[in-house]
């Protein structure tokens, strides 16, 4: 459009196109700058794969620990948890944190006998050291009966029993009844009865059955 003075105005369509180009360039520059500014929780630049940002590295450690703890608590088999640890160095380091291992479910370290190895033993020991009661009981049973390490196995089971773990209490009761790991003269029926009664109180089925037979088997009086 031309005025009397000869000044022409640009067409509306061209103005819209140029505006879009400018806006597009501005938005593109902002996205590039934001990508450059992204850093991991440790302050190091975020690693990129094929030009895309790895947003996992931007998450704080406490959030990643929370996610891994939930994963370990709901794992259906050891592979569900161990496969995640082999994903990257950060998950491997945070996956063996005491917060994560203390909440791991028994299925997360339920290794079959044919899959037992030093790494499996070490992982179960880490769970036990983190305060996982189920791991204490499982490792105690394996060491006592399978690895013939009586002292360490009994100590781990006793640690679980002190935290009111019913299977550990019943296992210790059976050891007292049979004198397992010692001589026949090492049997302590009174201690076995007390442990069995505690396990029965916590709802252990075998302990309840044994506790019902207690008067006839051990010669103790039945309380009213």
N, C-alpha and C. Protein backbone atom coordinates (compact mmCIF):
# COMPACT_ATOMS: atom_id res chain seq x y z
N UNK A 1 0.86 -1.19 0.00
CA UNK A 1 0.00 0.00 0.00
C UNK A 1 0.90 1.24 0.00
N UNK A 2 0.59 2.18 -0.90
CA UNK A 2 1.43 3.37 -1.06
C UNK A 2 0.66 4.61 -0.62
N UNK A 3 1.29 5.47 0.14
CA UNK A 3 0.69 6.73 0.60
C UNK A 3 0.99 7.86 -0.38
N UNK A 4 0.47 9.05 -0.04
CA UNK A 4 0.71 10.21 -0.90
C UNK A 4 2.18 10.57 -0.98
N UNK A 5 2.89 10.36 0.12
CA UNK A 5 4.32 10.69 0.15
C UNK A 5 5.18 9.62 -0.52
N UNK A 6 4.55 8.56 -0.93
CA UNK A 6 5.31 7.52 -1.60
C UNK A 6 5.81 6.42 -0.70
N UNK A 7 5.49 6.51 0.59
CA UNK A 7 5.94 5.48 1.53
C UNK A 7 5.00 4.29 1.41
N UNK A 8 5.56 3.13 1.27
CA UNK A 8 4.74 1.93 1.12
C UNK A 8 4.78 1.11 2.40
N UNK A 9 3.66 0.50 2.72
CA UNK A 9 3.56 -0.39 3.87
C UNK A 9 3.70 -1.83 3.40
N UNK A 10 4.24 -2.61 4.24
CA UNK A 10 4.41 -4.03 3.91
C UNK A 10 3.06 -4.74 3.95
N UNK A 11 2.96 -5.76 3.17
CA UNK A 11 1.72 -6.53 3.17
C UNK A 11 1.54 -7.25 4.50
N UNK A 12 0.26 -7.44 4.84
CA UNK A 12 -0.04 -8.07 6.13
C UNK A 12 0.48 -9.49 6.17
N UNK A 13 0.35 -10.22 5.08
CA UNK A 13 0.79 -11.61 5.06
C UNK A 13 2.29 -11.72 5.30
N UNK A 14 3.04 -10.79 4.68
CA UNK A 14 4.49 -10.81 4.88
C UNK A 14 4.86 -10.47 6.31
N UNK A 15 4.11 -9.53 6.91
CA UNK A 15 4.38 -9.15 8.29
C UNK A 15 4.15 -10.33 9.22
N UNK A 16 3.07 -11.07 8.98
CA UNK A 16 2.77 -12.24 9.84
C UNK A 16 3.86 -13.29 9.72
N UNK A 17 4.32 -13.50 8.47
CA UNK A 17 5.35 -14.51 8.27
C UNK A 17 6.64 -14.14 8.98
N UNK A 18 7.01 -12.83 8.86
CA UNK A 18 8.24 -12.39 9.50
C UNK A 18 8.13 -12.47 11.02
N UNK A 19 6.93 -12.14 11.53
CA UNK A 19 6.74 -12.21 12.98
C UNK A 19 6.88 -13.64 13.48
N UNK A 20 6.32 -14.57 12.70
CA UNK A 20 6.43 -15.97 13.11
C UNK A 20 7.89 -16.43 13.08
N UNK A 21 8.60 -15.95 12.08
CA UNK A 21 10.01 -16.34 12.00
C UNK A 21 10.79 -15.82 13.19
N UNK A 22 10.52 -14.55 13.54
CA UNK A 22 11.21 -13.97 14.69
C UNK A 22 10.88 -14.73 15.98
N UNK A 23 9.56 -14.98 16.18
CA UNK A 23 9.14 -15.71 17.39
C UNK A 23 9.74 -17.10 17.42
N UNK A 24 9.76 -17.72 16.25
CA UNK A 24 10.33 -19.07 16.20
C UNK A 24 11.79 -19.07 16.55
N UNK A 25 12.53 -18.08 16.06
CA UNK A 25 13.95 -18.00 16.38
C UNK A 25 14.18 -17.75 17.85
N UNK A 26 13.33 -16.87 18.43
CA UNK A 26 13.47 -16.56 19.86
C UNK A 26 13.20 -17.79 20.71
N UNK A 27 12.12 -18.51 20.36
CA UNK A 27 11.79 -19.71 21.12
C UNK A 27 12.88 -20.76 20.96
N UNK A 28 13.41 -20.88 19.74
CA UNK A 28 14.48 -21.85 19.53
C UNK A 28 15.71 -21.51 20.34
N UNK A 29 16.06 -20.22 20.39
CA UNK A 29 17.21 -19.81 21.18
C UNK A 29 17.00 -20.07 22.66
N UNK A 30 15.75 -19.84 23.14
CA UNK A 30 15.47 -20.10 24.55
C UNK A 30 15.61 -21.57 24.88
N UNK A 31 15.11 -22.45 23.98
CA UNK A 31 15.21 -23.88 24.23
C UNK A 31 16.67 -24.33 24.24
N UNK A 32 17.46 -23.76 23.31
CA UNK A 32 18.87 -24.13 23.26
C UNK A 32 19.59 -23.67 24.53
N UNK A 33 19.27 -22.43 24.96
CA UNK A 33 19.91 -21.91 26.17
C UNK A 33 19.51 -22.72 27.40
N UNK A 34 18.22 -23.10 27.47
CA UNK A 34 17.76 -23.88 28.63
C UNK A 34 18.42 -25.24 28.66
N UNK A 35 18.63 -25.82 27.47
CA UNK A 35 19.31 -27.11 27.43
C UNK A 35 20.76 -26.98 27.88
N UNK A 36 21.37 -25.87 27.49
CA UNK A 36 22.76 -25.66 27.90
C UNK A 36 22.88 -25.46 29.39
N UNK A 37 21.84 -24.86 29.99
CA UNK A 37 21.90 -24.56 31.42
C UNK A 37 21.59 -25.78 32.29
N UNK A 38 20.97 -26.85 31.72
CA UNK A 38 20.61 -28.01 32.53
C UNK A 38 21.86 -28.68 33.09
N UNK A 39 21.81 -28.93 34.36
CA UNK A 39 22.91 -29.61 35.02
C UNK A 39 22.35 -30.70 35.90
N UNK A 40 23.18 -31.67 36.23
CA UNK A 40 22.77 -32.76 37.09
C UNK A 40 22.69 -32.29 38.53
N UNK A 41 22.20 -33.19 39.40
CA UNK A 41 22.07 -32.84 40.81
C UNK A 41 23.42 -32.59 41.47
N UNK A 42 24.49 -33.13 40.90
CA UNK A 42 25.83 -32.91 41.46
C UNK A 42 26.50 -31.66 40.91
N UNK A 43 25.83 -30.96 39.97
CA UNK A 43 26.39 -29.74 39.42
C UNK A 43 27.13 -29.91 38.12
N UNK A 44 27.33 -31.16 37.68
CA UNK A 44 28.02 -31.41 36.42
C UNK A 44 27.04 -31.33 35.26
N UNK A 45 27.51 -31.02 34.06
CA UNK A 45 26.60 -30.93 32.92
C UNK A 45 25.89 -32.25 32.68
N UNK A 46 24.64 -32.16 32.21
CA UNK A 46 23.83 -33.35 31.98
C UNK A 46 24.28 -34.03 30.70
N UNK A 47 24.41 -35.35 30.75
CA UNK A 47 24.78 -36.10 29.56
C UNK A 47 23.61 -36.14 28.59
N UNK A 48 23.92 -36.09 27.32
CA UNK A 48 22.88 -36.12 26.30
C UNK A 48 23.06 -37.33 25.42
N UNK A 49 21.95 -37.84 24.93
CA UNK A 49 21.96 -38.97 24.02
C UNK A 49 21.25 -38.54 22.75
N UNK A 50 21.97 -38.55 21.63
CA UNK A 50 21.44 -38.13 20.33
C UNK A 50 20.80 -36.76 20.41
N UNK A 51 21.45 -35.86 21.13
CA UNK A 51 20.97 -34.48 21.20
C UNK A 51 19.86 -34.24 22.18
N UNK A 52 19.38 -35.26 22.88
CA UNK A 52 18.30 -35.10 23.84
C UNK A 52 18.84 -35.18 25.26
N UNK A 53 18.21 -34.43 26.15
CA UNK A 53 18.68 -34.35 27.53
C UNK A 53 18.25 -35.58 28.32
N UNK A 54 19.13 -36.11 29.17
CA UNK A 54 18.80 -37.20 30.07
C UNK A 54 18.30 -36.59 31.38
N UNK A 55 16.99 -36.52 31.54
CA UNK A 55 16.40 -35.82 32.68
C UNK A 55 16.57 -36.60 33.98
N UNK A 56 16.95 -37.88 33.91
CA UNK A 56 17.18 -38.64 35.14
C UNK A 56 18.33 -38.03 35.94
N UNK A 57 19.32 -37.50 35.25
CA UNK A 57 20.46 -36.90 35.94
C UNK A 57 20.11 -35.60 36.63
N UNK A 58 18.98 -35.00 36.27
CA UNK A 58 18.59 -33.74 36.91
C UNK A 58 17.81 -33.97 38.20
N UNK A 59 17.39 -35.22 38.46
CA UNK A 59 16.63 -35.50 39.68
C UNK A 59 17.56 -35.52 40.89
N UNK A 60 17.12 -34.98 42.02
CA UNK A 60 17.93 -35.06 43.25
C UNK A 60 18.07 -36.50 43.73
N UNK A 61 19.10 -36.75 44.52
CA UNK A 61 19.36 -38.10 45.00
C UNK A 61 18.23 -38.63 45.88
N UNK A 62 17.60 -37.76 46.68
CA UNK A 62 16.57 -38.25 47.58
C UNK A 62 15.35 -38.76 46.82
N UNK A 63 15.04 -38.15 45.68
CA UNK A 63 13.92 -38.63 44.87
C UNK A 63 14.26 -39.97 44.22
N UNK A 64 15.49 -40.10 43.73
CA UNK A 64 15.91 -41.36 43.13
C UNK A 64 15.94 -42.47 44.18
N UNK A 65 16.38 -42.16 45.39
CA UNK A 65 16.37 -43.15 46.47
C UNK A 65 14.96 -43.59 46.81
N UNK A 66 14.02 -42.65 46.80
CA UNK A 66 12.62 -42.99 47.08
C UNK A 66 12.08 -43.93 46.01
N UNK A 67 12.40 -43.66 44.76
CA UNK A 67 11.93 -44.52 43.66
C UNK A 67 12.54 -45.91 43.76
N UNK A 68 13.83 -45.98 44.03
CA UNK A 68 14.50 -47.28 44.14
C UNK A 68 14.01 -48.07 45.34
N UNK A 69 13.70 -47.38 46.45
CA UNK A 69 13.16 -48.07 47.62
C UNK A 69 11.80 -48.67 47.32
N UNK A 70 10.96 -47.94 46.59
CA UNK A 70 9.66 -48.47 46.19
C UNK A 70 9.83 -49.67 45.26
N UNK A 71 10.79 -49.58 44.36
CA UNK A 71 11.04 -50.69 43.44
C UNK A 71 11.50 -51.92 44.19
N UNK A 72 12.43 -51.76 45.12
CA UNK A 72 12.91 -52.90 45.88
C UNK A 72 11.84 -53.52 46.76
N UNK A 73 10.94 -52.70 47.29
CA UNK A 73 9.88 -53.21 48.16
C UNK A 73 8.82 -53.98 47.39
N UNK A 74 8.69 -53.72 46.09
CA UNK A 74 7.66 -54.38 45.28
C UNK A 74 8.24 -55.34 44.26
N UNK A 75 9.54 -55.62 44.32
CA UNK A 75 10.16 -56.52 43.35
C UNK A 75 9.62 -57.93 43.50
N UNK A 76 9.33 -58.58 42.37
CA UNK A 76 8.79 -59.94 42.39
C UNK A 76 9.89 -60.99 42.29
N UNK A 77 11.08 -60.60 41.90
CA UNK A 77 12.21 -61.53 41.79
C UNK A 77 13.49 -60.71 41.83
N UNK A 78 14.64 -61.35 42.07
CA UNK A 78 15.89 -60.58 42.12
C UNK A 78 16.20 -59.83 40.84
N UNK A 79 15.80 -60.38 39.69
CA UNK A 79 16.10 -59.72 38.41
C UNK A 79 15.40 -58.38 38.29
N UNK A 80 14.22 -58.23 38.89
CA UNK A 80 13.51 -56.96 38.81
C UNK A 80 14.30 -55.82 39.43
N UNK A 81 15.07 -56.13 40.45
CA UNK A 81 15.83 -55.10 41.15
C UNK A 81 17.26 -55.00 40.64
N UNK A 82 17.90 -56.14 40.41
CA UNK A 82 19.30 -56.14 40.00
C UNK A 82 19.47 -55.56 38.61
N UNK A 83 18.50 -55.79 37.72
CA UNK A 83 18.61 -55.26 36.36
C UNK A 83 18.64 -53.75 36.33
N UNK A 84 17.96 -53.11 37.28
CA UNK A 84 17.98 -51.65 37.35
C UNK A 84 19.35 -51.15 37.78
N UNK A 85 20.00 -51.87 38.67
CA UNK A 85 21.32 -51.45 39.16
C UNK A 85 22.37 -51.47 38.06
N UNK A 86 22.16 -52.30 37.05
CA UNK A 86 23.13 -52.38 35.96
C UNK A 86 22.85 -51.38 34.85
N UNK A 87 21.89 -50.48 35.05
CA UNK A 87 21.53 -49.51 34.01
C UNK A 87 22.60 -48.45 33.84
N UNK A 88 23.02 -47.84 34.94
CA UNK A 88 24.04 -46.79 34.88
C UNK A 88 24.77 -46.74 36.22
N UNK A 89 25.85 -45.96 36.26
CA UNK A 89 26.67 -45.89 37.47
C UNK A 89 25.91 -45.24 38.63
N UNK A 90 25.09 -44.25 38.31
CA UNK A 90 24.38 -43.55 39.39
C UNK A 90 23.36 -44.46 40.06
N UNK A 91 22.58 -45.20 39.27
CA UNK A 91 21.61 -46.13 39.85
C UNK A 91 22.32 -47.27 40.57
N UNK A 92 23.47 -47.67 40.08
CA UNK A 92 24.22 -48.73 40.75
C UNK A 92 24.71 -48.27 42.10
N UNK A 93 25.12 -47.00 42.19
CA UNK A 93 25.62 -46.47 43.47
C UNK A 93 24.48 -46.23 44.45
N UNK A 94 23.38 -45.64 43.98
CA UNK A 94 22.26 -45.35 44.87
C UNK A 94 21.45 -46.59 45.19
N UNK A 95 21.51 -47.61 44.34
CA UNK A 95 20.73 -48.82 44.57
C UNK A 95 21.18 -49.63 45.76
N UNK A 96 22.43 -49.47 46.17
CA UNK A 96 22.94 -50.21 47.33
C UNK A 96 23.00 -49.32 48.56
N UNK A 97 22.26 -48.22 48.53
CA UNK A 97 22.18 -47.35 49.71
C UNK A 97 21.38 -48.06 50.80
N UNK A 98 21.71 -47.78 52.05
CA UNK A 98 21.04 -48.46 53.17
C UNK A 98 19.54 -48.19 53.19
N UNK A 99 19.11 -47.01 52.75
CA UNK A 99 17.68 -46.71 52.71
C UNK A 99 16.95 -47.64 51.76
N UNK A 100 17.58 -47.94 50.64
CA UNK A 100 16.96 -48.82 49.63
C UNK A 100 17.00 -50.27 50.09
N UNK A 101 18.16 -50.74 50.54
CA UNK A 101 18.32 -52.14 50.91
C UNK A 101 17.52 -52.51 52.16
N UNK A 102 17.32 -51.56 53.06
CA UNK A 102 16.57 -51.87 54.28
C UNK A 102 15.10 -52.15 54.00
N UNK A 103 14.58 -51.68 52.85
CA UNK A 103 13.17 -51.87 52.52
C UNK A 103 12.95 -52.89 51.41
N UNK A 104 14.01 -53.58 51.00
CA UNK A 104 13.87 -54.58 49.94
C UNK A 104 13.01 -55.74 50.40
N UNK A 105 12.14 -56.21 49.52
CA UNK A 105 11.24 -57.32 49.86
C UNK A 105 12.01 -58.64 49.85
N UNK A 106 11.51 -59.68 50.51
CA UNK A 106 12.20 -60.98 50.48
C UNK A 106 12.36 -61.54 49.08
N UNK A 107 11.42 -61.21 48.17
CA UNK A 107 11.53 -61.71 46.79
C UNK A 107 12.68 -61.06 46.04
N UNK A 108 13.14 -59.89 46.50
CA UNK A 108 14.24 -59.20 45.83
C UNK A 108 15.57 -59.91 46.03
N UNK A 109 15.70 -60.71 47.09
CA UNK A 109 16.94 -61.45 47.32
C UNK A 109 16.66 -62.94 47.50
N UNK A 110 15.58 -63.43 46.89
CA UNK A 110 15.24 -64.86 46.96
C UNK A 110 16.00 -65.61 45.86
N UNK A 111 17.30 -65.77 46.04
CA UNK A 111 18.13 -66.44 45.04
C UNK A 111 17.95 -67.96 45.16
N UNK A 112 17.81 -68.61 44.01
CA UNK A 112 17.72 -70.07 43.99
C UNK A 112 19.11 -70.66 44.23
N UNK A 113 19.11 -71.92 44.65
CA UNK A 113 20.38 -72.56 44.99
C UNK A 113 21.32 -72.63 43.79
N UNK A 114 20.77 -72.86 42.58
CA UNK A 114 21.63 -72.95 41.40
C UNK A 114 22.17 -71.58 40.97
N UNK A 115 21.54 -70.51 41.45
CA UNK A 115 22.01 -69.16 41.13
C UNK A 115 22.83 -68.53 42.26
N UNK A 116 23.12 -69.32 43.29
CA UNK A 116 23.87 -68.77 44.42
C UNK A 116 25.32 -68.54 44.03
N UNK A 117 25.85 -67.40 44.42
CA UNK A 117 27.23 -67.03 44.09
C UNK A 117 27.75 -66.08 45.15
N UNK A 118 29.00 -65.69 45.00
CA UNK A 118 29.60 -64.75 45.94
C UNK A 118 28.92 -63.38 45.86
N UNK A 119 28.54 -62.98 44.65
CA UNK A 119 27.85 -61.69 44.50
C UNK A 119 26.48 -61.73 45.16
N UNK A 120 25.78 -62.87 45.06
CA UNK A 120 24.48 -62.99 45.73
C UNK A 120 24.65 -62.96 47.25
N UNK A 121 25.69 -63.64 47.73
CA UNK A 121 25.98 -63.63 49.17
C UNK A 121 26.32 -62.22 49.64
N UNK A 122 27.10 -61.51 48.84
CA UNK A 122 27.49 -60.15 49.20
C UNK A 122 26.27 -59.21 49.21
N UNK A 123 25.38 -59.37 48.23
CA UNK A 123 24.18 -58.53 48.18
C UNK A 123 23.28 -58.79 49.38
N UNK A 124 23.11 -60.07 49.73
CA UNK A 124 22.29 -60.41 50.89
C UNK A 124 22.91 -59.89 52.18
N UNK A 125 24.24 -59.93 52.25
CA UNK A 125 24.94 -59.38 53.42
C UNK A 125 24.74 -57.86 53.51
N UNK A 126 24.76 -57.17 52.38
CA UNK A 126 24.53 -55.73 52.38
C UNK A 126 23.12 -55.40 52.86
N UNK A 127 22.14 -56.19 52.44
CA UNK A 127 20.77 -55.97 52.91
C UNK A 127 20.67 -56.21 54.41
N UNK A 128 21.36 -57.24 54.89
CA UNK A 128 21.35 -57.53 56.32
C UNK A 128 22.01 -56.42 57.12
N UNK A 129 23.14 -55.93 56.64
CA UNK A 129 23.83 -54.84 57.34
C UNK A 129 23.03 -53.55 57.33
N UNK A 130 22.15 -53.39 56.33
CA UNK A 130 21.32 -52.18 56.25
C UNK A 130 20.14 -52.22 57.21
N UNK A 131 19.95 -53.36 57.90
CA UNK A 131 18.86 -53.46 58.86
C UNK A 131 17.63 -54.16 58.32
N UNK A 132 17.76 -54.86 57.20
CA UNK A 132 16.63 -55.61 56.64
C UNK A 132 16.45 -56.90 57.43
N UNK A 133 15.35 -57.00 58.17
CA UNK A 133 15.13 -58.15 59.05
C UNK A 133 14.95 -59.44 58.26
N UNK A 134 14.24 -59.37 57.14
CA UNK A 134 14.05 -60.55 56.31
C UNK A 134 15.39 -61.06 55.78
N UNK A 135 16.27 -60.14 55.43
CA UNK A 135 17.59 -60.53 54.95
C UNK A 135 18.42 -61.16 56.06
N UNK A 136 18.29 -60.64 57.27
CA UNK A 136 18.99 -61.24 58.42
C UNK A 136 18.56 -62.68 58.62
N UNK A 137 17.26 -62.93 58.54
CA UNK A 137 16.75 -64.29 58.74
C UNK A 137 17.20 -65.21 57.61
N UNK A 138 17.06 -64.74 56.36
CA UNK A 138 17.43 -65.58 55.21
C UNK A 138 18.92 -65.90 55.22
N UNK A 139 19.75 -64.91 55.46
CA UNK A 139 21.19 -65.15 55.49
C UNK A 139 21.58 -66.02 56.67
N UNK A 140 20.89 -65.85 57.80
CA UNK A 140 21.17 -66.69 58.96
C UNK A 140 20.86 -68.16 58.69
N UNK A 141 19.73 -68.43 58.04
CA UNK A 141 19.36 -69.81 57.70
C UNK A 141 20.36 -70.41 56.72
N UNK A 142 20.77 -69.62 55.72
CA UNK A 142 21.71 -70.13 54.72
C UNK A 142 23.06 -70.44 55.35
N UNK A 143 23.53 -69.56 56.20
CA UNK A 143 24.83 -69.79 56.83
C UNK A 143 24.78 -70.94 57.82
N UNK A 144 23.69 -71.05 58.55
CA UNK A 144 23.62 -72.08 59.59
C UNK A 144 23.48 -73.48 58.99
N UNK A 145 22.55 -73.63 58.04
CA UNK A 145 22.24 -74.97 57.53
C UNK A 145 23.00 -75.32 56.25
N UNK A 146 23.28 -74.34 55.38
CA UNK A 146 23.90 -74.64 54.09
C UNK A 146 25.41 -74.46 54.11
N UNK A 147 25.87 -73.37 54.69
CA UNK A 147 27.31 -73.09 54.71
C UNK A 147 28.00 -73.60 55.96
N UNK A 148 27.24 -74.21 56.88
CA UNK A 148 27.77 -74.80 58.11
C UNK A 148 28.51 -73.78 58.97
N UNK A 149 28.09 -72.52 58.87
CA UNK A 149 28.66 -71.47 59.72
C UNK A 149 27.66 -71.24 60.85
N UNK A 150 27.74 -72.09 61.87
CA UNK A 150 26.71 -72.12 62.91
C UNK A 150 26.65 -70.82 63.71
N UNK A 151 27.80 -70.34 64.13
CA UNK A 151 27.80 -69.16 64.99
C UNK A 151 27.24 -67.92 64.32
N UNK A 152 27.70 -67.64 63.11
CA UNK A 152 27.22 -66.46 62.39
C UNK A 152 25.76 -66.59 62.03
N UNK A 153 25.35 -67.80 61.61
CA UNK A 153 23.95 -68.01 61.25
C UNK A 153 23.01 -67.83 62.43
N UNK A 154 23.37 -68.40 63.57
CA UNK A 154 22.53 -68.26 64.76
C UNK A 154 22.47 -66.81 65.23
N UNK A 155 23.58 -66.09 65.09
CA UNK A 155 23.60 -64.69 65.49
C UNK A 155 22.67 -63.85 64.62
N UNK A 156 22.67 -64.11 63.32
CA UNK A 156 21.78 -63.36 62.42
C UNK A 156 20.31 -63.68 62.71
N UNK A 157 20.02 -64.95 62.95
CA UNK A 157 18.63 -65.31 63.27
C UNK A 157 18.20 -64.71 64.60
N UNK A 158 19.12 -64.65 65.56
CA UNK A 158 18.80 -64.03 66.85
C UNK A 158 18.53 -62.54 66.68
N UNK A 159 19.27 -61.90 65.78
CA UNK A 159 19.04 -60.48 65.50
C UNK A 159 17.65 -60.26 64.93
N UNK A 160 17.23 -61.14 64.03
CA UNK A 160 15.88 -61.04 63.48
C UNK A 160 14.83 -61.35 64.54
N UNK A 161 15.11 -62.33 65.40
CA UNK A 161 14.14 -62.70 66.44
C UNK A 161 13.94 -61.57 67.44
N UNK A 162 14.99 -60.82 67.73
CA UNK A 162 14.86 -59.70 68.66
C UNK A 162 13.97 -58.59 68.11
N UNK A 163 13.76 -58.60 66.79
CA UNK A 163 12.85 -57.65 66.16
C UNK A 163 11.49 -58.28 65.89
N UNK A 164 11.14 -59.32 66.68
CA UNK A 164 9.83 -59.97 66.63
C UNK A 164 9.55 -60.58 65.26
N UNK A 165 10.56 -61.22 64.69
CA UNK A 165 10.39 -61.93 63.42
C UNK A 165 9.96 -63.36 63.74
N UNK A 166 8.70 -63.69 63.43
CA UNK A 166 8.12 -64.96 63.85
C UNK A 166 8.86 -66.17 63.29
N UNK A 167 9.18 -66.25 61.99
CA UNK A 167 9.93 -67.42 61.49
C UNK A 167 11.28 -67.59 62.16
N UNK A 168 11.96 -66.48 62.47
CA UNK A 168 13.25 -66.58 63.16
C UNK A 168 13.07 -67.13 64.57
N UNK A 169 12.04 -66.69 65.26
CA UNK A 169 11.77 -67.21 66.60
C UNK A 169 11.50 -68.70 66.56
N UNK A 170 10.71 -69.14 65.59
CA UNK A 170 10.39 -70.57 65.51
C UNK A 170 11.63 -71.38 65.12
N UNK A 171 12.46 -70.85 64.23
CA UNK A 171 13.69 -71.56 63.84
C UNK A 171 14.63 -71.72 65.03
N UNK A 172 14.75 -70.68 65.84
CA UNK A 172 15.57 -70.79 67.04
C UNK A 172 14.97 -71.78 68.03
N UNK A 173 13.64 -71.83 68.10
CA UNK A 173 12.99 -72.81 68.98
C UNK A 173 13.31 -74.23 68.55
N UNK A 174 13.25 -74.49 67.24
CA UNK A 174 13.58 -75.82 66.73
C UNK A 174 15.04 -76.16 67.02
N UNK A 175 15.91 -75.17 66.89
CA UNK A 175 17.32 -75.40 67.21
C UNK A 175 17.51 -75.77 68.67
N UNK A 176 16.73 -75.15 69.56
CA UNK A 176 16.81 -75.48 70.98
C UNK A 176 16.23 -76.86 71.26
N UNK A 177 15.16 -77.22 70.56
CA UNK A 177 14.55 -78.54 70.76
C UNK A 177 15.49 -79.66 70.32
N UNK A 178 16.16 -79.46 69.17
CA UNK A 178 16.98 -80.52 68.58
C UNK A 178 18.45 -80.43 68.97
N UNK A 179 18.85 -79.34 69.58
CA UNK A 179 20.26 -79.17 69.87
C UNK A 179 21.09 -78.98 68.62
N UNK A 180 20.52 -78.31 67.62
CA UNK A 180 21.20 -78.13 66.33
C UNK A 180 22.47 -77.32 66.50
N UNK A 181 23.51 -77.77 65.82
CA UNK A 181 24.79 -77.07 65.87
C UNK A 181 25.62 -77.40 67.09
N UNK A 182 25.19 -78.32 67.90
CA UNK A 182 25.94 -78.68 69.10
C UNK A 182 25.74 -80.14 69.46
N UNK A 183 25.96 -80.46 70.71
CA UNK A 183 25.78 -81.82 71.19
C UNK A 183 24.33 -82.05 71.58
N UNK A 184 23.99 -83.32 71.76
CA UNK A 184 22.62 -83.64 72.18
C UNK A 184 22.32 -83.10 73.57
N UNK A 185 23.38 -82.96 74.35
CA UNK A 185 23.18 -82.44 75.70
C UNK A 185 22.96 -80.93 75.71
N UNK A 186 23.11 -80.29 74.54
CA UNK A 186 22.93 -78.84 74.46
C UNK A 186 21.47 -78.45 74.26
N UNK A 187 20.58 -79.40 74.25
CA UNK A 187 19.16 -79.08 74.10
C UNK A 187 18.67 -78.28 75.30
N UNK A 188 17.84 -77.30 75.02
CA UNK A 188 17.25 -76.47 76.07
C UNK A 188 15.76 -76.37 75.78
N UNK A 189 14.99 -77.31 76.37
CA UNK A 189 13.56 -77.37 76.08
C UNK A 189 12.82 -76.15 76.59
N UNK A 190 13.22 -75.64 77.73
CA UNK A 190 12.53 -74.47 78.28
C UNK A 190 12.71 -73.25 77.36
N UNK A 191 13.93 -73.06 76.90
CA UNK A 191 14.16 -71.94 75.97
C UNK A 191 13.40 -72.15 74.67
N UNK A 192 13.34 -73.41 74.20
CA UNK A 192 12.58 -73.70 72.99
C UNK A 192 11.11 -73.43 73.16
N UNK A 193 10.56 -73.79 74.32
CA UNK A 193 9.13 -73.54 74.58
C UNK A 193 8.85 -72.04 74.61
N UNK A 194 9.73 -71.28 75.24
CA UNK A 194 9.52 -69.83 75.32
C UNK A 194 9.58 -69.19 73.93
N UNK A 195 10.54 -69.61 73.12
CA UNK A 195 10.64 -69.06 71.77
C UNK A 195 9.45 -69.47 70.92
N UNK A 196 9.03 -70.72 71.07
CA UNK A 196 7.88 -71.21 70.30
C UNK A 196 6.60 -70.48 70.71
N UNK A 197 6.45 -70.21 71.99
CA UNK A 197 5.27 -69.48 72.46
C UNK A 197 5.24 -68.07 71.90
N UNK A 198 6.41 -67.44 71.83
CA UNK A 198 6.47 -66.09 71.28
C UNK A 198 6.12 -66.08 69.79
N UNK A 199 6.64 -67.07 69.05
CA UNK A 199 6.32 -67.17 67.63
C UNK A 199 4.85 -67.47 67.41
N UNK A 200 4.27 -68.30 68.28
CA UNK A 200 2.84 -68.60 68.17
C UNK A 200 2.00 -67.36 68.45
N UNK A 201 2.44 -66.55 69.40
CA UNK A 201 1.73 -65.31 69.71
C UNK A 201 1.72 -64.37 68.51
N UNK A 202 2.80 -64.41 67.71
CA UNK A 202 2.89 -63.56 66.53
C UNK A 202 2.18 -64.16 65.32
N UNK A 203 1.59 -65.34 65.48
CA UNK A 203 0.77 -65.92 64.41
C UNK A 203 1.46 -66.92 63.53
N UNK A 204 2.62 -67.44 63.90
CA UNK A 204 3.31 -68.43 63.09
C UNK A 204 2.57 -69.76 63.18
N UNK A 205 2.17 -70.33 62.03
CA UNK A 205 1.30 -71.52 62.00
C UNK A 205 1.99 -72.72 62.63
N UNK A 206 3.21 -73.03 62.21
CA UNK A 206 3.92 -74.18 62.77
C UNK A 206 4.17 -74.01 64.26
N UNK A 207 4.44 -72.80 64.68
CA UNK A 207 4.64 -72.55 66.11
C UNK A 207 3.34 -72.74 66.88
N UNK A 208 2.23 -72.34 66.29
CA UNK A 208 0.93 -72.56 66.94
C UNK A 208 0.66 -74.05 67.10
N UNK A 209 0.95 -74.83 66.06
CA UNK A 209 0.74 -76.27 66.13
C UNK A 209 1.64 -76.89 67.19
N UNK A 210 2.88 -76.45 67.23
CA UNK A 210 3.82 -76.99 68.23
C UNK A 210 3.43 -76.55 69.63
N UNK A 211 2.92 -75.34 69.73
CA UNK A 211 2.53 -74.83 71.04
C UNK A 211 1.32 -75.57 71.59
N UNK A 212 0.42 -76.02 70.71
CA UNK A 212 -0.74 -76.79 71.16
C UNK A 212 -0.32 -78.16 71.68
N UNK A 213 0.77 -78.71 71.15
CA UNK A 213 1.26 -80.01 71.59
C UNK A 213 2.18 -79.89 72.79
N UNK A 214 2.44 -78.68 73.23
CA UNK A 214 3.43 -78.43 74.28
C UNK A 214 3.18 -79.21 75.57
N UNK A 215 1.98 -79.28 76.12
CA UNK A 215 1.81 -79.99 77.40
C UNK A 215 2.17 -81.45 77.32
N UNK A 216 1.79 -82.11 76.19
CA UNK A 216 2.04 -83.54 76.08
C UNK A 216 3.50 -83.83 75.75
N UNK A 217 4.11 -82.97 74.96
CA UNK A 217 5.46 -83.25 74.50
C UNK A 217 6.51 -82.85 75.52
N UNK A 218 6.34 -81.66 76.11
CA UNK A 218 7.38 -81.12 76.97
C UNK A 218 7.06 -81.25 78.45
N UNK A 219 5.88 -81.76 78.77
CA UNK A 219 5.56 -81.99 80.16
C UNK A 219 5.29 -80.75 80.95
N UNK A 220 4.94 -79.66 80.30
CA UNK A 220 4.62 -78.41 81.00
C UNK A 220 3.12 -78.26 81.09
N UNK A 221 2.69 -77.55 82.09
CA UNK A 221 1.26 -77.40 82.33
C UNK A 221 0.66 -76.38 81.38
N UNK A 222 -0.57 -76.61 80.96
CA UNK A 222 -1.28 -75.70 80.08
C UNK A 222 -1.91 -74.59 80.90
N UNK A 223 -1.64 -73.35 80.52
CA UNK A 223 -2.21 -72.23 81.25
C UNK A 223 -3.68 -72.08 80.89
N UNK A 224 -4.50 -71.66 81.85
CA UNK A 224 -5.92 -71.49 81.56
C UNK A 224 -6.14 -70.31 80.62
